[in-house]
Protein backbone atom coordinates (compact mmCIF):
# COMPACT_ATOMS: atom_id res chain seq x y z
CA MET A 1 0.03 0.33 0.36
CA GLY A 2 2.97 2.48 0.88
CA THR A 3 4.16 1.42 -1.96
CA LEU A 4 1.51 2.34 -4.33
CA ILE A 5 0.83 5.50 -2.47
CA GLY A 6 3.93 6.79 -2.84
CA LEU A 7 3.86 5.95 -6.63
CA ILE A 8 0.96 7.93 -6.54
CA ILE A 9 2.12 11.24 -5.02
CA GLY A 10 5.02 10.49 -7.66
CA VAL A 11 2.78 11.02 -10.56
CA VAL A 12 0.06 13.92 -9.01
CA ALA A 13 3.55 16.11 -8.43
CA VAL A 14 4.00 15.54 -12.13
CA VAL A 15 1.06 16.30 -13.38
CA VAL A 16 0.04 19.51 -11.14
CA ALA A 17 3.65 20.61 -12.18
CA MET A 18 3.01 20.55 -15.47
CA PHE A 19 -0.68 22.23 -15.48
CA PHE A 20 0.98 25.51 -13.32
CA LYS A 21 3.53 25.51 -16.60
CA GLU A 22 0.50 24.73 -18.86
CA VAL A 23 2.14 21.85 -20.74
CA SER A 24 0.06 19.76 -22.65
CA PHE A 25 -0.51 16.55 -21.42
CA ASP A 26 -0.31 15.18 -25.71
CA VAL A 27 3.52 15.27 -25.14
CA PHE A 28 3.49 12.24 -23.35
CA ILE A 29 2.42 10.21 -25.88
CA ASN A 30 5.94 9.41 -27.51
CA PRO A 31 6.84 5.73 -28.37
CA ALA A 32 9.49 6.57 -29.10
CA ALA A 33 10.67 8.25 -25.64
CA ILE A 34 9.03 4.99 -23.97
CA PHE A 35 10.69 2.70 -25.94
CA VAL A 36 14.49 4.12 -24.69
CA ILE A 37 13.48 4.38 -22.01
CA PHE A 38 11.69 0.96 -20.15
CA VAL A 39 12.71 -1.20 -23.32
CA GLY A 40 16.42 0.44 -23.34
CA THR A 41 16.60 0.22 -19.46
CA ALA A 42 15.44 -3.45 -19.23
CA GLY A 43 18.55 -4.19 -22.03
CA ALA A 44 21.11 -2.43 -19.80
CA VAL A 45 19.64 -3.98 -16.29
CA THR A 46 19.78 -7.71 -18.44
CA VAL A 47 22.99 -7.29 -19.81
CA SER A 48 24.31 -6.41 -15.87
CA THR A 49 22.61 -8.96 -14.03
CA PRO A 50 23.01 -12.75 -14.31
CA ILE A 51 19.55 -14.11 -16.23
CA ASN A 52 19.08 -16.56 -12.55
CA GLU A 53 18.60 -13.49 -10.66
CA LEU A 54 16.57 -11.53 -12.96
CA LYS A 55 14.04 -14.75 -12.82
CA ASN A 56 13.33 -13.48 -9.63
CA LEU A 57 11.64 -9.81 -10.53
CA PRO A 58 8.17 -11.72 -10.23
CA LYS A 59 8.80 -12.41 -6.81
CA LEU A 60 10.47 -9.33 -5.76
CA PHE A 61 7.98 -6.58 -7.25
CA GLY A 62 5.55 -8.99 -5.16
CA VAL A 63 7.54 -8.36 -2.21
CA VAL A 64 7.03 -4.38 -2.47
CA PHE A 65 3.90 -4.66 -3.76
CA GLY A 66 2.23 -7.41 -1.74
CA LYS A 67 1.33 -7.79 1.82
CA ASP A 68 4.35 -8.50 4.31
CA LYS A 69 3.60 -12.41 5.67
CA GLY A 70 7.27 -12.21 7.90
CA LEU A 71 7.15 -12.90 11.57
CA SER A 72 6.96 -9.94 13.54
CA VAL A 73 8.89 -8.65 16.10
CA ARG A 74 6.01 -9.46 18.73
CA SER A 75 4.78 -12.53 17.63
CA ALA A 76 8.55 -13.75 17.47
CA ILE A 77 9.64 -12.71 21.50
CA ASP A 78 5.82 -14.46 22.46
CA LYS A 79 6.54 -17.82 20.90
CA LEU A 80 9.94 -17.41 21.95
CA THR A 81 8.88 -16.70 25.65
CA GLU A 82 6.30 -19.41 25.78
CA PHE A 83 8.91 -21.98 24.69
CA ALA A 84 11.36 -21.21 26.85
CA SER A 85 8.80 -21.45 29.60
CA LEU A 86 7.79 -24.82 28.72
CA ALA A 87 11.29 -26.16 28.28
CA ARG A 88 11.70 -24.59 32.36
CA LYS A 89 9.21 -26.99 32.99
CA GLU A 90 9.25 -29.95 31.18
CA GLY A 91 12.87 -29.60 29.29
CA LEU A 92 13.84 -29.33 25.76
CA LEU A 93 12.54 -32.51 24.75
CA ALA A 94 8.83 -31.07 25.55
CA LEU A 95 9.15 -29.01 22.92
CA GLU A 96 9.45 -31.72 20.19
CA PRO A 97 5.98 -31.89 19.25
CA ARG A 98 5.59 -28.26 19.12
CA VAL A 99 8.10 -27.52 16.10
CA GLY A 100 5.81 -29.03 13.76
CA GLU A 101 3.08 -25.99 14.47
CA ILE A 102 5.90 -23.21 13.63
CA ASP A 103 5.44 -21.46 10.71
CA ASP A 104 8.74 -19.60 10.40
CA PRO A 105 11.05 -21.56 8.57
CA PHE A 106 14.01 -20.09 10.13
CA MET A 107 12.53 -20.50 14.00
CA LYS A 108 11.31 -24.13 12.58
CA ARG A 109 14.89 -24.94 11.99
CA GLY A 110 16.36 -23.04 14.67
CA ALA A 111 13.85 -24.94 17.17
CA ALA A 112 14.74 -28.52 15.56
CA LEU A 113 18.75 -28.06 16.25
CA LEU A 114 17.50 -26.77 19.78
CA VAL A 115 15.17 -29.94 20.23
CA ASP A 116 18.64 -32.44 18.73
CA GLY A 117 20.98 -31.23 21.58
CA CYS A 118 23.23 -28.48 19.44
CA GLU A 119 25.19 -26.74 21.46
CA PRO A 120 24.96 -23.07 21.04
CA GLU A 121 27.82 -22.00 19.20
CA MET A 122 26.73 -24.46 16.33
CA ILE A 123 23.10 -23.09 16.73
CA ARG A 124 24.72 -19.78 16.58
CA LYS A 125 27.06 -21.09 13.32
CA ILE A 126 24.09 -22.79 11.41
CA LEU A 127 21.69 -19.92 11.38
CA ASN A 128 24.24 -16.86 11.21
CA GLU A 129 25.41 -18.86 7.62
CA ASP A 130 21.17 -19.00 6.68
CA ILE A 131 20.91 -15.24 7.79
CA GLU A 132 23.87 -14.06 5.83
CA ALA A 133 22.50 -16.13 2.87
CA MET A 134 19.80 -14.23 2.72
CA GLU A 135 21.28 -11.27 2.94
CA ASP A 136 23.46 -11.79 -0.13
CA ARG A 137 20.10 -12.75 -1.53
CA HIS A 138 18.10 -9.70 -0.75
CA ALA A 139 21.38 -7.64 -1.96
CA ALA A 140 21.43 -8.84 -5.55
CA GLY A 141 17.37 -8.73 -5.89
CA ALA A 142 17.57 -4.95 -4.29
CA ASN A 143 20.96 -4.24 -7.00
CA ILE A 144 18.55 -5.31 -10.18
CA PHE A 145 16.43 -1.97 -9.08
CA SER A 146 19.38 0.36 -8.22
CA GLN A 147 20.65 -0.56 -11.41
CA ALA A 148 17.75 0.27 -13.36
CA GLY A 149 17.50 4.10 -11.10
CA ALA A 150 21.14 4.30 -12.50
CA TYR A 151 20.43 3.31 -16.08
CA ALA A 152 17.21 5.26 -16.86
CA PRO A 153 18.06 9.03 -16.49
CA THR A 154 20.99 8.44 -18.53
CA LEU A 155 19.26 6.79 -21.24
CA GLY A 156 16.79 9.47 -21.08
CA VAL A 157 19.50 11.85 -22.24
CA LEU A 158 20.31 9.72 -24.89
CA GLY A 159 16.80 9.67 -25.90
CA ALA A 160 16.78 13.60 -25.56
CA VAL A 161 20.00 13.43 -28.21
CA LEU A 162 18.25 11.07 -30.25
CA GLY A 163 14.87 14.18 -30.00
CA LEU A 164 16.94 16.82 -31.00
CA ILE A 165 18.88 14.93 -33.82
CA ALA A 166 15.23 14.36 -35.04
CA ALA A 167 14.46 18.07 -34.65
CA LEU A 168 17.49 19.19 -37.22
CA GLY A 169 16.16 18.18 -40.00
CA HIS A 170 13.02 20.38 -39.27
CA MET A 171 15.43 23.58 -39.52
CA ASP A 172 13.36 25.35 -42.12
CA ASP A 173 9.74 24.89 -40.44
CA THR A 174 9.84 27.27 -36.89
CA GLU A 175 7.06 25.59 -35.38
CA ALA A 176 7.94 22.01 -36.34
CA LEU A 177 11.01 22.61 -35.01
CA GLY A 178 9.51 23.94 -31.40
CA HIS A 179 7.15 20.53 -31.40
CA ALA A 180 10.21 18.26 -32.09
CA ILE A 181 12.66 20.06 -29.47
CA SER A 182 9.81 19.25 -26.81
CA ALA A 183 9.03 16.38 -28.07
CA ALA A 184 12.90 15.07 -27.08
CA PHE A 185 12.96 16.37 -23.87
CA ILE A 186 10.44 13.58 -22.81
CA ALA A 187 12.43 10.76 -22.55
CA THR A 188 14.55 13.04 -20.33
CA VAL A 189 11.50 13.56 -17.90
CA LEU A 190 10.42 9.63 -18.13
CA GLY A 191 14.00 8.74 -17.70
CA ILE A 192 14.27 10.57 -14.00
CA PHE A 193 10.96 10.05 -13.17
CA THR A 194 11.56 6.58 -13.55
CA GLY A 195 15.34 6.55 -12.39
CA TYR A 196 13.99 8.43 -8.90
CA VAL A 197 10.46 7.75 -8.30
CA LEU A 198 10.34 4.56 -9.15
CA TRP A 199 13.54 2.26 -9.55
CA HIS A 200 15.73 3.73 -6.40
CA PRO A 201 12.63 4.25 -4.39
CA ILE A 202 11.95 0.17 -4.95
CA ALA A 203 15.98 -0.64 -4.39
CA ASN A 204 15.55 1.28 -0.91
CA LYS A 205 12.45 -0.50 0.10
CA LEU A 206 13.66 -3.91 -0.68
CA LYS A 207 17.46 -3.09 1.51
CA ARG A 208 15.15 -2.35 4.20
CA MET A 209 12.93 -4.89 4.29
CA SER A 210 15.91 -6.88 4.00
CA ALA A 211 17.49 -5.10 6.74
CA GLN A 212 14.31 -5.44 9.03
CA GLU A 213 14.13 -9.12 8.31
CA VAL A 214 17.86 -9.67 9.69
CA HIS A 215 16.57 -8.11 12.52
CA VAL A 216 13.65 -10.56 13.48
CA LYS A 217 15.66 -13.59 12.31
CA THR A 218 18.93 -12.19 14.43
CA LEU A 219 16.27 -11.96 17.71
CA VAL A 220 14.73 -15.38 17.30
CA MET A 221 18.30 -17.22 17.06
CA GLU A 222 19.39 -15.28 20.26
CA GLY A 223 16.23 -16.36 21.97
CA LEU A 224 17.27 -20.19 20.75
CA ILE A 225 20.76 -19.96 22.12
CA GLY A 226 19.60 -18.51 25.00
CA MET A 227 16.78 -21.19 25.63
CA SER A 228 19.85 -23.68 24.91
CA GLU A 229 21.59 -22.02 27.82
CA GLY A 230 18.87 -22.60 30.34
CA VAL A 231 17.65 -18.74 30.52
CA ASN A 232 14.48 -18.94 32.15
CA ALA A 233 11.50 -17.36 29.69
CA ARG A 234 11.38 -13.89 32.56
CA MET A 235 14.92 -13.20 31.24
CA LEU A 236 14.64 -14.41 28.14
CA ALA A 237 11.75 -11.72 27.54
CA GLU A 238 13.57 -8.87 29.21
CA LEU A 239 17.08 -10.62 26.75
CA LEU A 240 14.41 -10.02 23.57
CA ASN A 241 12.66 -6.78 24.24
CA SER A 242 16.01 -4.96 24.58
CA MET A 243 16.60 -6.02 21.22
CA VAL A 244 13.61 -4.11 19.85
CA ALA A 245 12.26 -0.68 20.39
CA VAL A 246 10.37 0.59 22.93
CA GLY A 247 7.53 0.95 21.00
CA GLU A 248 7.33 -2.93 20.33
CA ARG A 249 8.54 -3.74 24.26
CA ALA A 250 5.72 -5.96 25.86
CA GLY A 251 4.21 -4.00 28.59
CA GLN A 252 5.76 -0.63 26.98
CA GLU A 253 3.88 2.19 25.73
CA GLY A 254 2.51 1.54 22.01
CA GLY A 255 3.98 -2.43 22.64
CA GLU A 256 1.01 -4.64 23.73
């Protein structure tokens, strides 16, 4: 929803500016400019990105425009403290039937390691490797949009140059020359707009979402390690709450 609202605000900003400057909206019906920006950007990104990473584009758009289905900080802390309380009373093996109920794959994997009697350092090593692999994957996805944001404005300049070359063919007709020059800069407008209102913001959003997911996974990892070391539920809750913003802490203003 935030992505859609942001795009609408960006489009409205340009439309209102055109209205105040008395620019005709017909100028944007320019197939050449649209082609050089969108197809040219797609070509540049394809050249610079491995195909196996480009295959993830539909999934990336789904992440940006879809609803966040990941594990929240609050639900992670609640689940971990519940498990810690159970493990304190009945032992770690009492968690075994509960592992299958966990929806989040990362927490499920960590809980299985815990129940299997894995040492705390081994749990940390395995889960850290998982987090680092996820960070690399997310960085590759965000980089696709960062590159598109870098190429689009430059291709806009290229489109403007091509338009000006075409405009020089109308030197004998002043009115036609004026229209041709006006149309030449549409590619620049489209390139800058898509680069800085669409592609770069999407890349930044993906990076921010990745950082949030890393934070939740790190919290889960520390909670599982705390359980393996015998930390009681109350102390574990204090530890995990210290890792989140005040507004998200249980019992604090803004928290549950």
